[in-house]
């Protein structure tokens, strides 16, 4: 697996409109994109810090993974995403090393990325996302 950088840090929030002002007014970052990912039942807001992005995740359905996360753990860090070359190969590599996969194959994510998740029970408790930008290679 070839990881090039931390693509983003995913943070679960109850409400984007309430969360965005902290990132903009306190930290001085600029929200550059808000997008709904319907199949994942979330709205996302993105900020950039150097090469790394912060992704705020707001549930759009009470049955969504993010809603369940917030109900169980509260708002906060949800996942760590790494940019990889060849997400399909990275998944196969992880699985060959005994890592439990949430996604057996990549799916579409926010900002047009091809994404897949590794199960936190196999990754020392950190929900890990692998991302590949097939349109703009890293």
C-alpha atoms as a PDB file:
ATOM      1  CA  UNK A   1       0.000   0.000   0.000  1.00  0.00           C
ATOM      2  CA  UNK A   2       1.359   3.410  -0.920  1.00  0.00           C
ATOM      3  CA  UNK A   3       0.043   6.235   1.291  1.00  0.00           C
ATOM      4  CA  UNK A   4       0.988   9.710   0.047  1.00  0.00           C
ATOM      5  CA  UNK A   5      -0.560  11.887   2.776  1.00  0.00           C
ATOM      6  CA  UNK A   6      -3.418  12.365   5.207  1.00  0.00           C
ATOM      7  CA  UNK A   7      -6.291  13.220   2.871  1.00  0.00           C
ATOM      8  CA  UNK A   8      -8.662  14.389   5.592  1.00  0.00           C
ATOM      9  CA  UNK A   9      -9.839  14.030   9.150  1.00  0.00           C
ATOM     10  CA  UNK A  10     -13.570  13.293   9.423  1.00  0.00           C
ATOM     11  CA  UNK A  11     -15.414  14.922  12.317  1.00  0.00           C
ATOM     12  CA  UNK A  12     -19.024  14.058  13.191  1.00  0.00           C
ATOM     13  CA  UNK A  13     -21.205  17.066  14.037  1.00  0.00           C
ATOM     14  CA  UNK A  14     -24.903  17.419  14.778  1.00  0.00           C
ATOM     15  CA  UNK A  15     -25.353  20.540  12.652  1.00  0.00           C
ATOM     16  CA  UNK A  16     -23.075  22.089  10.028  1.00  0.00           C
ATOM     17  CA  UNK A  17     -24.517  25.589  10.447  1.00  0.00           C
ATOM     18  CA  UNK A  18     -23.640  25.491  14.151  1.00  0.00           C
ATOM     19  CA  UNK A  19     -20.215  23.875  13.640  1.00  0.00           C
ATOM     20  CA  UNK A  20     -18.850  25.892  10.706  1.00  0.00           C
ATOM     21  CA  UNK A  21     -18.526  29.192  12.666  1.00  0.00           C
ATOM     22  CA  UNK A  22     -16.020  27.591  15.077  1.00  0.00           C
ATOM     23  CA  UNK A  23     -13.744  26.574  12.206  1.00  0.00           C
ATOM     24  CA  UNK A  24     -14.120  29.920  10.417  1.00  0.00           C
ATOM     25  CA  UNK A  25     -14.381  32.467  13.239  1.00  0.00           C
ATOM     26  CA  UNK A  26     -12.120  30.895  15.848  1.00  0.00           C
ATOM     27  CA  UNK A  27      -9.549  29.041  13.741  1.00  0.00           C
ATOM     28  CA  UNK A  28      -9.688  31.366  10.743  1.00  0.00           C
ATOM     29  CA  UNK A  29     -10.245  28.600   8.196  1.00  0.00           C
ATOM     30  CA  UNK A  30     -12.585  28.969   5.222  1.00  0.00           C
ATOM     31  CA  UNK A  31     -15.282  26.452   4.370  1.00  0.00           C
ATOM     32  CA  UNK A  32     -14.724  25.890   0.650  1.00  0.00           C
ATOM     33  CA  UNK A  33     -17.294  23.184  -0.090  1.00  0.00           C
ATOM     34  CA  UNK A  34     -20.580  21.885   1.312  1.00  0.00           C
ATOM     35  CA  UNK A  35     -21.906  18.742  -0.325  1.00  0.00           C
ATOM     36  CA  UNK A  36     -24.543  16.105   0.353  1.00  0.00           C
ATOM     37  CA  UNK A  37     -23.569  12.472  -0.134  1.00  0.00           C
ATOM     38  CA  UNK A  38     -27.040  10.948  -0.354  1.00  0.00           C
ATOM     39  CA  UNK A  39     -26.057   7.266  -0.287  1.00  0.00           C
ATOM     40  CA  UNK A  40     -24.090   7.841   2.938  1.00  0.00           C
ATOM     41  CA  UNK A  41     -26.875  10.002   4.428  1.00  0.00           C
ATOM     42  CA  UNK A  42     -24.555  12.901   5.272  1.00  0.00           C
ATOM     43  CA  UNK A  43     -23.874  16.517   4.420  1.00  0.00           C
ATOM     44  CA  UNK A  44     -20.219  17.445   4.459  1.00  0.00           C
ATOM     45  CA  UNK A  45     -18.333  20.706   4.852  1.00  0.00           C
ATOM     46  CA  UNK A  46     -14.651  20.976   3.975  1.00  0.00           C
ATOM     47  CA  UNK A  47     -11.797  23.136   5.250  1.00  0.00           C
ATOM     48  CA  UNK A  48      -8.131  23.008   4.262  1.00  0.00           C
ATOM     49  CA  UNK A  49      -5.149  23.133   6.621  1.00  0.00           C
ATOM     50  CA  UNK A  50      -2.010  22.916   4.497  1.00  0.00           C
ATOM     51  CA  UNK A  51      -2.395  19.830   2.313  1.00  0.00           C
ATOM     52  CA  UNK A  52      -4.831  18.185   4.746  1.00  0.00           C
ATOM     53  CA  UNK A  53      -8.581  18.681   4.775  1.00  0.00           C
ATOM     54  CA  UNK A  54     -11.024  18.687   7.657  1.00  0.00           C
ATOM     55  CA  UNK A  55     -14.373  17.115   6.738  1.00  0.00           C
ATOM     56  CA  UNK A  56     -17.335  17.889   8.966  1.00  0.00           C
ATOM     57  CA  UNK A  57     -20.056  15.235   8.678  1.00  0.00           C
ATOM     58  CA  UNK A  58     -23.681  16.030   9.528  1.00  0.00           C
ATOM     59  CA  UNK A  59     -26.217  13.180   9.449  1.00  0.00           C
ATOM     60  CA  UNK A  60     -29.204  13.670   7.139  1.00  0.00           C
ATOM     61  CA  UNK A  61     -31.041  10.611   8.489  1.00  0.00           C
ATOM     62  CA  UNK A  62     -31.326   9.337  12.056  1.00  0.00           C
ATOM     63  CA  UNK A  63     -30.421   5.847  10.798  1.00  0.00           C
ATOM     64  CA  UNK A  64     -27.150   6.991   9.202  1.00  0.00           C
ATOM     65  CA  UNK A  65     -23.785   5.794  10.426  1.00  0.00           C
ATOM     66  CA  UNK A  66     -22.903   9.339  11.541  1.00  0.00           C
ATOM     67  CA  UNK A  67     -26.173   9.756  13.490  1.00  0.00           C
ATOM     68  CA  UNK A  68     -25.516   6.456  15.279  1.00  0.00           C
ATOM     69  CA  UNK A  69     -21.922   7.482  15.990  1.00  0.00           C
ATOM     70  CA  UNK A  70     -23.059  10.791  17.543  1.00  0.00           C
ATOM     71  CA  UNK A  71     -25.766   9.038  19.572  1.00  0.00           C
ATOM     72  CA  UNK A  72     -23.239   6.539  20.958  1.00  0.00           C
ATOM     73  CA  UNK A  73     -20.106   8.701  21.326  1.00  0.00           C
ATOM     74  CA  UNK A  74     -21.127  12.326  20.826  1.00  0.00           C
ATOM     75  CA  UNK A  75     -19.670  14.750  18.341  1.00  0.00           C
ATOM     76  CA  UNK A  76     -15.987  14.404  17.561  1.00  0.00           C
ATOM     77  CA  UNK A  77     -13.364  12.690  15.451  1.00  0.00           C
ATOM     78  CA  UNK A  78     -14.993   9.965  13.370  1.00  0.00           C
ATOM     79  CA  UNK A  79     -12.285   8.768  10.969  1.00  0.00           C
ATOM     80  CA  UNK A  80      -8.826   9.319   9.549  1.00  0.00           C
ATOM     81  CA  UNK A  81      -8.489   9.227   5.759  1.00  0.00           C
ATOM     82  CA  UNK A  82      -5.311   8.497   3.838  1.00  0.00           C
ATOM     83  CA  UNK A  83      -4.682   9.264   0.171  1.00  0.00           C
ATOM     84  CA  UNK A  84      -3.499   6.138  -1.620  1.00  0.00           C
ATOM     85  CA  UNK A  85      -2.548   5.156  -5.130  1.00  0.00           C
ATOM     86  CA  UNK A  86      -4.787   2.313  -6.294  1.00  0.00           C
ATOM     87  CA  UNK A  87      -7.491   2.002  -3.641  1.00  0.00           C
ATOM     88  CA  UNK A  88      -8.478  -1.447  -4.966  1.00  0.00           C
ATOM     89  CA  UNK A  89      -4.916  -2.718  -4.525  1.00  0.00           C
ATOM     90  CA  UNK A  90      -4.666  -1.057  -1.099  1.00  0.00           C
ATOM     91  CA  UNK A  91      -7.818  -2.903   0.027  1.00  0.00           C
ATOM     92  CA  UNK A  92      -6.455  -6.224  -1.228  1.00  0.00           C
ATOM     93  CA  UNK A  93      -3.134  -5.550   0.503  1.00  0.00           C
ATOM     94  CA  UNK A  94      -4.831  -4.690   3.811  1.00  0.00           C
ATOM     95  CA  UNK A  95      -7.069  -7.757   3.635  1.00  0.00           C
ATOM     96  CA  UNK A  96      -4.081 -10.019   2.854  1.00  0.00           C
ATOM     97  CA  UNK A  97      -2.517  -8.746   6.087  1.00  0.00           C
ATOM     98  CA  UNK A  98      -5.563  -9.743   8.141  1.00  0.00           C
ATOM     99  CA  UNK A  99      -7.331  -6.373   8.223  1.00  0.00           C
ATOM    100  CA  UNK A 100     -11.125  -6.558   8.296  1.00  0.00           C
ATOM    101  CA  UNK A 101     -12.700  -4.512   5.509  1.00  0.00           C
ATOM    102  CA  UNK A 102     -15.918  -2.540   5.794  1.00  0.00           C
ATOM    103  CA  UNK A 103     -15.879  -2.021   2.028  1.00  0.00           C
ATOM    104  CA  UNK A 104     -14.794  -4.939  -0.163  1.00  0.00           C
ATOM    105  CA  UNK A 105     -14.715  -2.563  -3.141  1.00  0.00           C
ATOM    106  CA  UNK A 106     -14.337   1.219  -3.419  1.00  0.00           C
ATOM    107  CA  UNK A 107     -17.409   3.452  -3.639  1.00  0.00           C
ATOM    108  CA  UNK A 108     -18.004   7.090  -4.436  1.00  0.00           C
ATOM    109  CA  UNK A 109     -17.401   9.643  -1.719  1.00  0.00           C
ATOM    110  CA  UNK A 110     -17.488  13.394  -1.270  1.00  0.00           C
ATOM    111  CA  UNK A 111     -15.474  15.529  -3.686  1.00  0.00           C
ATOM    112  CA  UNK A 112     -15.561  12.743  -6.273  1.00  0.00           C
ATOM    113  CA  UNK A 113     -13.099  10.530  -4.421  1.00  0.00           C
ATOM    114  CA  UNK A 114     -13.066   6.756  -4.654  1.00  0.00           C
ATOM    115  CA  UNK A 115     -13.220   5.594  -1.010  1.00  0.00           C
ATOM    116  CA  UNK A 116     -13.207   2.472   1.150  1.00  0.00           C
ATOM    117  CA  UNK A 117     -13.108   1.912   4.907  1.00  0.00           C
ATOM    118  CA  UNK A 118     -11.088  -0.459   7.078  1.00  0.00           C
ATOM    119  CA  UNK A 119     -12.825  -1.762  10.218  1.00  0.00           C
ATOM    120  CA  UNK A 120     -11.649  -0.120  13.468  1.00  0.00           C
ATOM    121  CA  UNK A 121     -11.540  -3.513  15.222  1.00  0.00           C
ATOM    122  CA  UNK A 122      -8.590  -4.320  12.936  1.00  0.00           C
ATOM    123  CA  UNK A 123      -6.939  -0.867  12.991  1.00  0.00           C
ATOM    124  CA  UNK A 124      -6.337  -0.255  16.687  1.00  0.00           C
ATOM    125  CA  UNK A 125      -9.700   1.465  17.149  1.00  0.00           C
ATOM    126  CA  UNK A 126      -9.261   4.051  14.372  1.00  0.00           C
ATOM    127  CA  UNK A 127     -11.857   3.973  11.605  1.00  0.00           C
ATOM    128  CA  UNK A 128      -9.561   4.291   8.591  1.00  0.00           C
ATOM    129  CA  UNK A 129     -10.605   5.498   5.162  1.00  0.00           C
ATOM    130  CA  UNK A 130      -8.570   4.961   2.022  1.00  0.00           C
ATOM    131  CA  UNK A 131      -9.143   7.595  -0.686  1.00  0.00           C
ATOM    132  CA  UNK A 132      -8.056   7.935  -4.275  1.00  0.00           C
ATOM    133  CA  UNK A 133      -8.644  10.934  -6.494  1.00  0.00           C
ATOM    134  CA  UNK A 134      -8.812   9.253  -9.890  1.00  0.00           C
ATOM    135  CA  UNK A 135      -9.344  12.606 -11.640  1.00  0.00           C
ATOM    136  CA  UNK A 136      -6.343  14.437 -10.145  1.00  0.00           C
ATOM    137  CA  UNK A 137      -3.612  11.971  -9.320  1.00  0.00           C
ATOM    138  CA  UNK A 138      -1.588  12.914  -6.222  1.00  0.00           C
END
